[in-house]
């Protein structure tokens, strides 16, 4: 009697909300935090050597933790590289001009 396509929606099946793409864990922040500390370390390496060592070591730490956790791997890798450069640049000048610690 009807001219429909013959599909009937079942009222018993409730609509399920979609799960988020990434879980809301602190591990998802390792990448952005590592990248931010890496950029700060690289900039501070030219002006404030001690602060660059601190920020660079934090960038390396968060970068390694992020690579282990598996979230935001490109950001973690970039933060790791920038943090290493931010640590090695002041240390190279320290060793070159003072002969070590």
PDB file of N, CA and C in Angstrom:
ATOM      1  N   UNK A   1       0.797  -1.174   0.000  1.00  0.00           N
ATOM      2  CA  UNK A   1       0.000   0.000   0.000  1.00  0.00           C
ATOM      3  C   UNK A   1       0.855   1.259   0.000  1.00  0.00           C
ATOM      4  N   UNK A   2       2.046   1.133   0.544  1.00  0.00           N
ATOM      5  CA  UNK A   2       2.922   2.290   0.546  1.00  0.00           C
ATOM      6  C   UNK A   2       3.892   2.213  -0.617  1.00  0.00           C
ATOM      7  N   UNK A   3       4.450   3.330  -0.940  1.00  0.00           N
ATOM      8  CA  UNK A   3       5.416   3.364  -2.035  1.00  0.00           C
ATOM      9  C   UNK A   3       6.833   3.517  -1.507  1.00  0.00           C
ATOM     10  N   UNK A   4       7.082   3.190  -0.253  1.00  0.00           N
ATOM     11  CA  UNK A   4       8.401   3.332   0.357  1.00  0.00           C
ATOM     12  C   UNK A   4       9.365   2.273  -0.154  1.00  0.00           C
ATOM     13  N   UNK A   5      10.546   2.337   0.351  1.00  0.00           N
ATOM     14  CA  UNK A   5      11.581   1.407  -0.091  1.00  0.00           C
ATOM     15  C   UNK A   5      11.549   0.113   0.695  1.00  0.00           C
ATOM     16  N   UNK A   6      10.777   0.058   1.727  1.00  0.00           N
ATOM     17  CA  UNK A   6      10.671  -1.165   2.483  1.00  0.00           C
ATOM     18  C   UNK A   6      11.604  -1.237   3.676  1.00  0.00           C
ATOM     19  N   UNK A   7      12.333  -0.183   3.963  1.00  0.00           N
ATOM     20  CA  UNK A   7      13.203  -0.190   5.129  1.00  0.00           C
ATOM     21  C   UNK A   7      12.441   0.352   6.322  1.00  0.00           C
ATOM     22  N   UNK A   8      12.598  -0.327   7.415  1.00  0.00           N
ATOM     23  CA  UNK A   8      11.912   0.085   8.629  1.00  0.00           C
ATOM     24  C   UNK A   8      12.971   0.312   9.699  1.00  0.00           C
ATOM     25  N   UNK A   9      12.899   1.452  10.341  1.00  0.00           N
ATOM     26  CA  UNK A   9      13.842   1.740  11.417  1.00  0.00           C
ATOM     27  C   UNK A   9      13.340   1.111  12.692  1.00  0.00           C
ATOM     28  N   UNK A  10      14.200   0.465  13.378  1.00  0.00           N
ATOM     29  CA  UNK A  10      13.849  -0.218  14.605  1.00  0.00           C
ATOM     30  C   UNK A  10      13.927   0.756  15.773  1.00  0.00           C
ATOM     31  N   UNK A  11      12.842   0.954  16.527  1.00  0.00           N
ATOM     32  CA  UNK A  11      12.888   1.887  17.655  1.00  0.00           C
ATOM     33  C   UNK A  11      13.616   1.309  18.868  1.00  0.00           C
ATOM     34  N   UNK A  12      13.941   0.015  18.867  1.00  0.00           N
ATOM     35  CA  UNK A  12      14.580  -0.600  20.022  1.00  0.00           C
ATOM     36  C   UNK A  12      16.084  -0.324  20.083  1.00  0.00           C
ATOM     37  N   UNK A  13      16.734  -0.044  18.981  1.00  0.00           N
ATOM     38  CA  UNK A  13      18.181   0.159  18.977  1.00  0.00           C
ATOM     39  C   UNK A  13      18.492   1.630  19.260  1.00  0.00           C
ATOM     40  N   UNK A  14      19.080   1.905  20.414  1.00  0.00           N
ATOM     41  CA  UNK A  14      19.421   3.301  20.710  1.00  0.00           C
ATOM     42  C   UNK A  14      20.673   3.721  19.927  1.00  0.00           C
ATOM     43  N   UNK A  15      20.764   4.984  19.663  1.00  0.00           N
ATOM     44  CA  UNK A  15      21.940   5.516  18.963  1.00  0.00           C
ATOM     45  C   UNK A  15      23.103   5.593  19.944  1.00  0.00           C
ATOM     46  N   UNK A  16      24.243   5.036  19.571  1.00  0.00           N
ATOM     47  CA  UNK A  16      25.419   5.067  20.438  1.00  0.00           C
ATOM     48  C   UNK A  16      26.314   6.224  20.016  1.00  0.00           C
ATOM     49  N   UNK A  17      26.787   6.997  20.989  1.00  0.00           N
ATOM     50  CA  UNK A  17      27.703   8.094  20.624  1.00  0.00           C
ATOM     51  C   UNK A  17      29.044   7.538  20.180  1.00  0.00           C
ATOM     52  N   UNK A  18      29.686   8.255  19.274  1.00  0.00           N
ATOM     53  CA  UNK A  18      30.983   7.818  18.767  1.00  0.00           C
ATOM     54  C   UNK A  18      32.058   8.060  19.819  1.00  0.00           C
ATOM     55  N   UNK A  19      32.995   7.160  19.877  1.00  0.00           N
ATOM     56  CA  UNK A  19      34.110   7.291  20.810  1.00  0.00           C
ATOM     57  C   UNK A  19      35.081   8.346  20.282  1.00  0.00           C
ATOM     58  N   UNK A  20      35.741   9.066  21.170  1.00  0.00           N
ATOM     59  CA  UNK A  20      36.727  10.047  20.693  1.00  0.00           C
ATOM     60  C   UNK A  20      37.889   9.352  19.983  1.00  0.00           C
ATOM     61  N   UNK A  21      38.531  10.085  19.099  1.00  0.00           N
ATOM     62  CA  UNK A  21      39.617   9.503  18.301  1.00  0.00           C
ATOM     63  C   UNK A  21      40.816   9.129  19.166  1.00  0.00           C
ATOM     64  N   UNK A  22      41.136   9.957  20.133  1.00  0.00           N
ATOM     65  CA  UNK A  22      42.241   9.656  21.033  1.00  0.00           C
ATOM     66  C   UNK A  22      41.727   9.694  22.461  1.00  0.00           C
ATOM     67  N   UNK A  23      42.212   8.830  23.309  1.00  0.00           N
ATOM     68  CA  UNK A  23      41.759   8.851  24.697  1.00  0.00           C
ATOM     69  C   UNK A  23      42.283  10.093  25.414  1.00  0.00           C
ATOM     70  N   UNK A  24      41.532  10.530  26.387  1.00  0.00           N
ATOM     71  CA  UNK A  24      41.918  11.725  27.144  1.00  0.00           C
ATOM     72  C   UNK A  24      42.862  11.323  28.273  1.00  0.00           C
ATOM     73  N   UNK A  25      44.116  11.118  27.937  1.00  0.00           N
ATOM     74  CA  UNK A  25      45.124  10.761  28.923  1.00  0.00           C
ATOM     75  C   UNK A  25      46.224  11.816  28.910  1.00  0.00           C
ATOM     76  N   UNK A  26      46.987  11.906  29.971  1.00  0.00           N
ATOM     77  CA  UNK A  26      48.106  12.856  29.966  1.00  0.00           C
ATOM     78  C   UNK A  26      49.153  12.546  28.902  1.00  0.00           C
ATOM     79  N   UNK A  27      49.189  11.317  28.419  1.00  0.00           N
ATOM     80  CA  UNK A  27      50.181  10.948  27.405  1.00  0.00           C
ATOM     81  C   UNK A  27      49.949  11.678  26.086  1.00  0.00           C
ATOM     82  N   UNK A  28      48.733  12.162  25.844  1.00  0.00           N
ATOM     83  CA  UNK A  28      48.476  12.892  24.607  1.00  0.00           C
ATOM     84  C   UNK A  28      49.126  14.269  24.623  1.00  0.00           C
ATOM     85  N   UNK A  29      49.537  14.742  25.785  1.00  0.00           N
ATOM     86  CA  UNK A  29      50.163  16.057  25.881  1.00  0.00           C
ATOM     87  C   UNK A  29      51.681  16.020  25.801  1.00  0.00           C
ATOM     88  N   UNK A  30      52.272  14.845  25.755  1.00  0.00           N
ATOM     89  CA  UNK A  30      53.728  14.757  25.699  1.00  0.00           C
ATOM     90  C   UNK A  30      54.290  15.425  24.442  1.00  0.00           C
ATOM     91  N   UNK A  31      53.632  15.262  23.317  1.00  0.00           N
ATOM     92  CA  UNK A  31      54.115  15.845  22.063  1.00  0.00           C
ATOM     93  C   UNK A  31      54.127  17.358  22.076  1.00  0.00           C
ATOM     94  N   UNK A  32      52.986  18.007  22.349  1.00  0.00           N
ATOM     95  CA  UNK A  32      52.998  19.475  22.369  1.00  0.00           C
ATOM     96  C   UNK A  32      53.908  20.069  23.443  1.00  0.00           C
ATOM     97  N   UNK A  33      53.966  19.439  24.610  1.00  0.00           N
ATOM     98  CA  UNK A  33      54.826  19.950  25.685  1.00  0.00           C
ATOM     99  C   UNK A  33      56.297  19.801  25.301  1.00  0.00           C
ATOM    100  N   UNK A  34      56.643  18.672  24.709  1.00  0.00           N
ATOM    101  CA  UNK A  34      58.019  18.462  24.273  1.00  0.00           C
ATOM    102  C   UNK A  34      58.413  19.468  23.194  1.00  0.00           C
ATOM    103  N   UNK A  35      57.516  19.697  22.255  1.00  0.00           N
ATOM    104  CA  UNK A  35      57.801  20.658  21.193  1.00  0.00           C
ATOM    105  C   UNK A  35      57.939  22.071  21.746  1.00  0.00           C
ATOM    106  N   UNK A  36      57.078  22.445  22.682  1.00  0.00           N
ATOM    107  CA  UNK A  36      57.157  23.785  23.270  1.00  0.00           C
ATOM    108  C   UNK A  36      58.463  23.971  24.037  1.00  0.00           C
ATOM    109  N   UNK A  37      58.830  22.986  24.861  1.00  0.00           N
ATOM    110  CA  UNK A  37      60.092  23.098  25.592  1.00  0.00           C
ATOM    111  C   UNK A  37      61.286  23.072  24.647  1.00  0.00           C
ATOM    112  N   UNK A  38      61.193  22.338  23.554  1.00  0.00           N
ATOM    113  CA  UNK A  38      62.278  22.309  22.581  1.00  0.00           C
ATOM    114  C   UNK A  38      62.493  23.646  21.906  1.00  0.00           C
ATOM    115  N   UNK A  39      61.404  24.302  21.528  1.00  0.00           N
ATOM    116  CA  UNK A  39      61.515  25.625  20.903  1.00  0.00           C
ATOM    117  C   UNK A  39      62.063  26.635  21.909  1.00  0.00           C
ATOM    118  N   UNK A  40      61.562  26.574  23.148  1.00  0.00           N
ATOM    119  CA  UNK A  40      62.063  27.485  24.189  1.00  0.00           C
ATOM    120  C   UNK A  40      63.544  27.237  24.437  1.00  0.00           C
ATOM    121  N   UNK A  41      63.957  25.985  24.462  1.00  0.00           N
ATOM    122  CA  UNK A  41      65.364  25.662  24.701  1.00  0.00           C
ATOM    123  C   UNK A  41      66.247  26.158  23.575  1.00  0.00           C
ATOM    124  N   UNK A  42      65.784  26.011  22.342  1.00  0.00           N
ATOM    125  CA  UNK A  42      66.598  26.454  21.213  1.00  0.00           C
ATOM    126  C   UNK A  42      66.744  27.974  21.192  1.00  0.00           C
ATOM    127  N   UNK A  43      65.681  28.687  21.506  1.00  0.00           N
ATOM    128  CA  UNK A  43      65.755  30.152  21.558  1.00  0.00           C
ATOM    129  C   UNK A  43      66.613  30.592  22.744  1.00  0.00           C
ATOM    130  N   UNK A  44      66.415  29.959  23.893  1.00  0.00           N
ATOM    131  CA  UNK A  44      67.165  30.344  25.097  1.00  0.00           C
ATOM    132  C   UNK A  44      68.631  29.953  25.000  1.00  0.00           C
ATOM    133  N   UNK A  45      68.979  29.036  24.129  1.00  0.00           N
ATOM    134  CA  UNK A  45      70.373  28.606  23.997  1.00  0.00           C
ATOM    135  C   UNK A  45      71.268  29.755  23.549  1.00  0.00           C
ATOM    136  N   UNK A  46      70.710  30.717  22.849  1.00  0.00           N
ATOM    137  CA  UNK A  46      71.506  31.843  22.373  1.00  0.00           C
ATOM    138  C   UNK A  46      71.637  32.944  23.414  1.00  0.00           C
ATOM    139  N   UNK A  47      70.741  32.967  24.409  1.00  0.00           N
ATOM    140  CA  UNK A  47      70.739  34.069  25.367  1.00  0.00           C
ATOM    141  C   UNK A  47      70.955  33.615  26.810  1.00  0.00           C
ATOM    142  N   UNK A  48      70.273  32.580  27.228  1.00  0.00           N
ATOM    143  CA  UNK A  48      70.324  32.111  28.621  1.00  0.00           C
ATOM    144  C   UNK A  48      70.716  30.638  28.629  1.00  0.00           C
ATOM    145  N   UNK A  49      71.987  30.365  28.785  1.00  0.00           N
ATOM    146  CA  UNK A  49      72.479  29.001  28.674  1.00  0.00           C
ATOM    147  C   UNK A  49      71.935  28.050  29.715  1.00  0.00           C
ATOM    148  N   UNK A  50      71.873  28.504  30.986  1.00  0.00           N
ATOM    149  CA  UNK A  50      71.393  27.626  32.049  1.00  0.00           C
ATOM    150  C   UNK A  50      69.915  27.291  31.875  1.00  0.00           C
ATOM    151  N   UNK A  51      69.121  28.267  31.482  1.00  0.00           N
ATOM    152  CA  UNK A  51      67.707  28.024  31.243  1.00  0.00           C
ATOM    153  C   UNK A  51      67.512  27.109  30.034  1.00  0.00           C
ATOM    154  N   UNK A  52      68.375  27.217  29.055  1.00  0.00           N
ATOM    155  CA  UNK A  52      68.292  26.340  27.885  1.00  0.00           C
ATOM    156  C   UNK A  52      68.583  24.897  28.261  1.00  0.00           C
ATOM    157  N   UNK A  53      69.512  24.695  29.179  1.00  0.00           N
ATOM    158  CA  UNK A  53      69.801  23.328  29.637  1.00  0.00           C
ATOM    159  C   UNK A  53      68.586  22.723  30.343  1.00  0.00           C
ATOM    160  N   UNK A  54      67.910  23.521  31.155  1.00  0.00           N
ATOM    161  CA  UNK A  54      66.739  23.044  31.870  1.00  0.00           C
ATOM    162  C   UNK A  54      65.596  22.739  30.907  1.00  0.00           C
ATOM    163  N   UNK A  55      65.280  23.686  30.029  1.00  0.00           N
ATOM    164  CA  UNK A  55      64.184  23.483  29.084  1.00  0.00           C
ATOM    165  C   UNK A  55      64.503  22.364  28.099  1.00  0.00           C
ATOM    166  N   UNK A  56      65.747  22.256  27.683  1.00  0.00           N
ATOM    167  CA  UNK A  56      66.136  21.202  26.757  1.00  0.00           C
ATOM    168  C   UNK A  56      66.047  19.822  27.377  1.00  0.00           C
ATOM    169  N   UNK A  57      66.442  19.731  28.643  1.00  0.00           N
ATOM    170  CA  UNK A  57      66.339  18.420  29.300  1.00  0.00           C
ATOM    171  C   UNK A  57      64.886  18.021  29.506  1.00  0.00           C
ATOM    172  N   UNK A  58      64.014  18.977  29.775  1.00  0.00           N
ATOM    173  CA  UNK A  58      62.583  18.669  29.871  1.00  0.00           C
ATOM    174  C   UNK A  58      62.013  18.260  28.508  1.00  0.00           C
ATOM    175  N   UNK A  59      62.456  18.929  27.447  1.00  0.00           N
ATOM    176  CA  UNK A  59      61.998  18.566  26.109  1.00  0.00           C
ATOM    177  C   UNK A  59      62.438  17.157  25.738  1.00  0.00           C
ATOM    178  N   UNK A  60      63.660  16.808  26.089  1.00  0.00           N
ATOM    179  CA  UNK A  60      64.154  15.457  25.803  1.00  0.00           C
ATOM    180  C   UNK A  60      63.360  14.422  26.598  1.00  0.00           C
ATOM    181  N   UNK A  61      63.092  14.724  27.864  1.00  0.00           N
ATOM    182  CA  UNK A  61      62.343  13.792  28.708  1.00  0.00           C
ATOM    183  C   UNK A  61      60.940  13.562  28.173  1.00  0.00           C
ATOM    184  N   UNK A  62      60.226  14.647  27.889  1.00  0.00           N
ATOM    185  CA  UNK A  62      58.863  14.498  27.377  1.00  0.00           C
ATOM    186  C   UNK A  62      58.849  13.900  25.980  1.00  0.00           C
ATOM    187  N   UNK A  63      59.876  14.173  25.181  1.00  0.00           N
ATOM    188  CA  UNK A  63      59.954  13.580  23.848  1.00  0.00           C
ATOM    189  C   UNK A  63      60.120  12.071  23.905  1.00  0.00           C
ATOM    190  N   UNK A  64      60.975  11.607  24.793  1.00  0.00           N
ATOM    191  CA  UNK A  64      61.176  10.159  24.939  1.00  0.00           C
ATOM    192  C   UNK A  64      59.914   9.492  25.490  1.00  0.00           C
ATOM    193  N   UNK A  65      59.292  10.120  26.492  1.00  0.00           N
ATOM    194  CA  UNK A  65      58.047   9.562  27.043  1.00  0.00           C
ATOM    195  C   UNK A  65      56.942   9.510  25.983  1.00  0.00           C
ATOM    196  N   UNK A  66      56.896  10.534  25.140  1.00  0.00           N
ATOM    197  CA  UNK A  66      55.893  10.554  24.077  1.00  0.00           C
ATOM    198  C   UNK A  66      56.155   9.523  23.004  1.00  0.00           C
ATOM    199  N   UNK A  67      57.414   9.305  22.671  1.00  0.00           N
ATOM    200  CA  UNK A  67      57.726   8.274  21.684  1.00  0.00           C
ATOM    201  C   UNK A  67      57.405   6.885  22.211  1.00  0.00           C
ATOM    202  N   UNK A  68      57.590   6.690  23.505  1.00  0.00           N
ATOM    203  CA  UNK A  68      57.247   5.398  24.101  1.00  0.00           C
ATOM    204  C   UNK A  68      55.742   5.192  24.124  1.00  0.00           C
ATOM    205  N   UNK A  69      54.986   6.273  24.457  1.00  0.00           N
ATOM    206  CA  UNK A  69      53.525   6.132  24.553  1.00  0.00           C
ATOM    207  C   UNK A  69      52.870   5.994  23.188  1.00  0.00           C
ATOM    208  N   UNK A  70      53.443   6.585  22.161  1.00  0.00           N
ATOM    209  CA  UNK A  70      52.926   6.415  20.815  1.00  0.00           C
ATOM    210  C   UNK A  70      51.969   7.494  20.346  1.00  0.00           C
ATOM    211  N   UNK A  71      51.681   8.500  21.162  1.00  0.00           N
ATOM    212  CA  UNK A  71      50.802   9.584  20.752  1.00  0.00           C
ATOM    213  C   UNK A  71      51.633  10.750  20.235  1.00  0.00           C
ATOM    214  N   UNK A  72      51.191  11.397  19.175  1.00  0.00           N
ATOM    215  CA  UNK A  72      51.828  12.593  18.609  1.00  0.00           C
ATOM    216  C   UNK A  72      53.321  12.387  18.354  1.00  0.00           C
ATOM    217  N   UNK A  73      53.642  11.303  17.685  1.00  0.00           N
ATOM    218  CA  UNK A  73      55.045  10.955  17.465  1.00  0.00           C
ATOM    219  C   UNK A  73      55.838  12.011  16.700  1.00  0.00           C
ATOM    220  N   UNK A  74      55.294  12.654  15.674  1.00  0.00           N
ATOM    221  CA  UNK A  74      56.099  13.683  14.990  1.00  0.00           C
ATOM    222  C   UNK A  74      56.424  14.873  15.893  1.00  0.00           C
ATOM    223  N   UNK A  75      55.474  15.284  16.722  1.00  0.00           N
ATOM    224  CA  UNK A  75      55.744  16.386  17.640  1.00  0.00           C
ATOM    225  C   UNK A  75      56.770  15.979  18.692  1.00  0.00           C
ATOM    226  N   UNK A  76      56.681  14.751  19.163  1.00  0.00           N
ATOM    227  CA  UNK A  76      57.654  14.268  20.148  1.00  0.00           C
ATOM    228  C   UNK A  76      59.051  14.225  19.554  1.00  0.00           C
ATOM    229  N   UNK A  77      59.154  13.764  18.321  1.00  0.00           N
ATOM    230  CA  UNK A  77      60.458  13.689  17.675  1.00  0.00           C
ATOM    231  C   UNK A  77      61.032  15.088  17.436  1.00  0.00           C
ATOM    232  N   UNK A  78      60.187  16.023  17.011  1.00  0.00           N
ATOM    233  CA  UNK A  78      60.654  17.399  16.806  1.00  0.00           C
ATOM    234  C   UNK A  78      61.091  18.020  18.124  1.00  0.00           C
ATOM    235  N   UNK A  79      60.331  17.794  19.190  1.00  0.00           N
ATOM    236  CA  UNK A  79      60.713  18.310  20.497  1.00  0.00           C
ATOM    237  C   UNK A  79      62.000  17.692  20.999  1.00  0.00           C
ATOM    238  N   UNK A  80      62.182  16.415  20.718  1.00  0.00           N
ATOM    239  CA  UNK A  80      63.406  15.721  21.125  1.00  0.00           C
ATOM    240  C   UNK A  80      64.617  16.302  20.407  1.00  0.00           C
ATOM    241  N   UNK A  81      64.507  16.536  19.119  1.00  0.00           N
ATOM    242  CA  UNK A  81      65.626  17.082  18.334  1.00  0.00           C
ATOM    243  C   UNK A  81      65.927  18.523  18.754  1.00  0.00           C
ATOM    244  N   UNK A  82      64.878  19.338  18.910  1.00  0.00           N
ATOM    245  CA  UNK A  82      65.102  20.725  19.308  1.00  0.00           C
ATOM    246  C   UNK A  82      65.655  20.812  20.730  1.00  0.00           C
ATOM    247  N   UNK A  83      65.173  19.950  21.607  1.00  0.00           N
ATOM    248  CA  UNK A  83      65.689  19.936  22.969  1.00  0.00           C
ATOM    249  C   UNK A  83      67.150  19.515  23.018  1.00  0.00           C
ATOM    250  N   UNK A  84      67.510  18.530  22.201  1.00  0.00           N
ATOM    251  CA  UNK A  84      68.912  18.103  22.149  1.00  0.00           C
ATOM    252  C   UNK A  84      69.801  19.216  21.610  1.00  0.00           C
ATOM    253  N   UNK A  85      69.319  19.925  20.603  1.00  0.00           N
ATOM    254  CA  UNK A  85      70.098  21.051  20.079  1.00  0.00           C
ATOM    255  C   UNK A  85      70.202  22.166  21.112  1.00  0.00           C
ATOM    256  N   UNK A  86      69.115  22.391  21.864  1.00  0.00           N
ATOM    257  CA  UNK A  86      69.136  23.409  22.902  1.00  0.00           C
ATOM    258  C   UNK A  86      70.055  23.063  24.058  1.00  0.00           C
ATOM    259  N   UNK A  87      70.301  21.791  24.291  1.00  0.00           N
ATOM    260  CA  UNK A  87      71.225  21.374  25.349  1.00  0.00           C
ATOM    261  C   UNK A  87      72.660  21.360  24.833  1.00  0.00           C
ATOM    262  N   UNK A  88      72.860  20.854  23.642  1.00  0.00           N
ATOM    263  CA  UNK A  88      74.230  20.698  23.126  1.00  0.00           C
ATOM    264  C   UNK A  88      74.879  22.025  22.753  1.00  0.00           C
ATOM    265  N   UNK A  89      74.111  23.013  22.336  1.00  0.00           N
ATOM    266  CA  UNK A  89      74.694  24.292  21.933  1.00  0.00           C
ATOM    267  C   UNK A  89      75.370  25.005  23.111  1.00  0.00           C
ATOM    268  N   UNK A  90      74.695  25.188  24.251  1.00  0.00           N
ATOM    269  CA  UNK A  90      75.410  25.826  25.375  1.00  0.00           C
ATOM    270  C   UNK A  90      76.531  24.957  25.947  1.00  0.00           C
ATOM    271  N   UNK A  91      76.340  23.633  25.940  1.00  0.00           N
ATOM    272  CA  UNK A  91      77.392  22.762  26.455  1.00  0.00           C
ATOM    273  C   UNK A  91      78.640  22.814  25.585  1.00  0.00           C
ATOM    274  N   UNK A  92      78.457  22.959  24.285  1.00  0.00           N
ATOM    275  CA  UNK A  92      79.624  23.042  23.405  1.00  0.00           C
ATOM    276  C   UNK A  92      80.432  24.305  23.691  1.00  0.00           C
ATOM    277  N   UNK A  93      79.743  25.415  23.952  1.00  0.00           N
ATOM    278  CA  UNK A  93      80.470  26.631  24.305  1.00  0.00           C
ATOM    279  C   UNK A  93      81.116  26.515  25.676  1.00  0.00           C
ATOM    280  N   UNK A  94      80.461  25.830  26.586  1.00  0.00           N
ATOM    281  CA  UNK A  94      81.050  25.630  27.911  1.00  0.00           C
ATOM    282  C   UNK A  94      82.338  24.833  27.815  1.00  0.00           C
ATOM    283  N   UNK A  95      82.328  23.765  27.030  1.00  0.00           N
ATOM    284  CA  UNK A  95      83.538  22.962  26.882  1.00  0.00           C
ATOM    285  C   UNK A  95      84.603  23.673  26.064  1.00  0.00           C
ATOM    286  N   UNK A  96      84.192  24.466  25.077  1.00  0.00           N
ATOM    287  CA  UNK A  96      85.167  25.133  24.216  1.00  0.00           C
ATOM    288  C   UNK A  96      85.909  26.259  24.948  1.00  0.00           C
ATOM    289  N   UNK A  97      85.208  27.008  25.773  1.00  0.00           N
ATOM    290  CA  UNK A  97      85.826  28.184  26.370  1.00  0.00           C
ATOM    291  C   UNK A  97      86.329  27.970  27.793  1.00  0.00           C
ATOM    292  N   UNK A  98      85.885  26.935  28.462  1.00  0.00           N
ATOM    293  CA  UNK A  98      86.350  26.728  29.840  1.00  0.00           C
ATOM    294  C   UNK A  98      87.138  25.441  29.984  1.00  0.00           C
ATOM    295  N   UNK A  99      87.135  24.594  29.006  1.00  0.00           N
ATOM    296  CA  UNK A  99      87.851  23.339  29.102  1.00  0.00           C
ATOM    297  C   UNK A  99      87.084  22.290  29.879  1.00  0.00           C
ATOM    298  N   UNK A 100      85.809  22.475  30.069  1.00  0.00           N
ATOM    299  CA  UNK A 100      84.986  21.506  30.785  1.00  0.00           C
ATOM    300  C   UNK A 100      84.297  22.150  31.961  1.00  0.00           C
ATOM    301  N   UNK A 101      83.887  21.329  32.891  1.00  0.00           N
ATOM    302  CA  UNK A 101      83.199  21.850  34.069  1.00  0.00           C
ATOM    303  C   UNK A 101      84.242  22.303  35.047  1.00  0.00           C
TER     304      UNK A 101
END
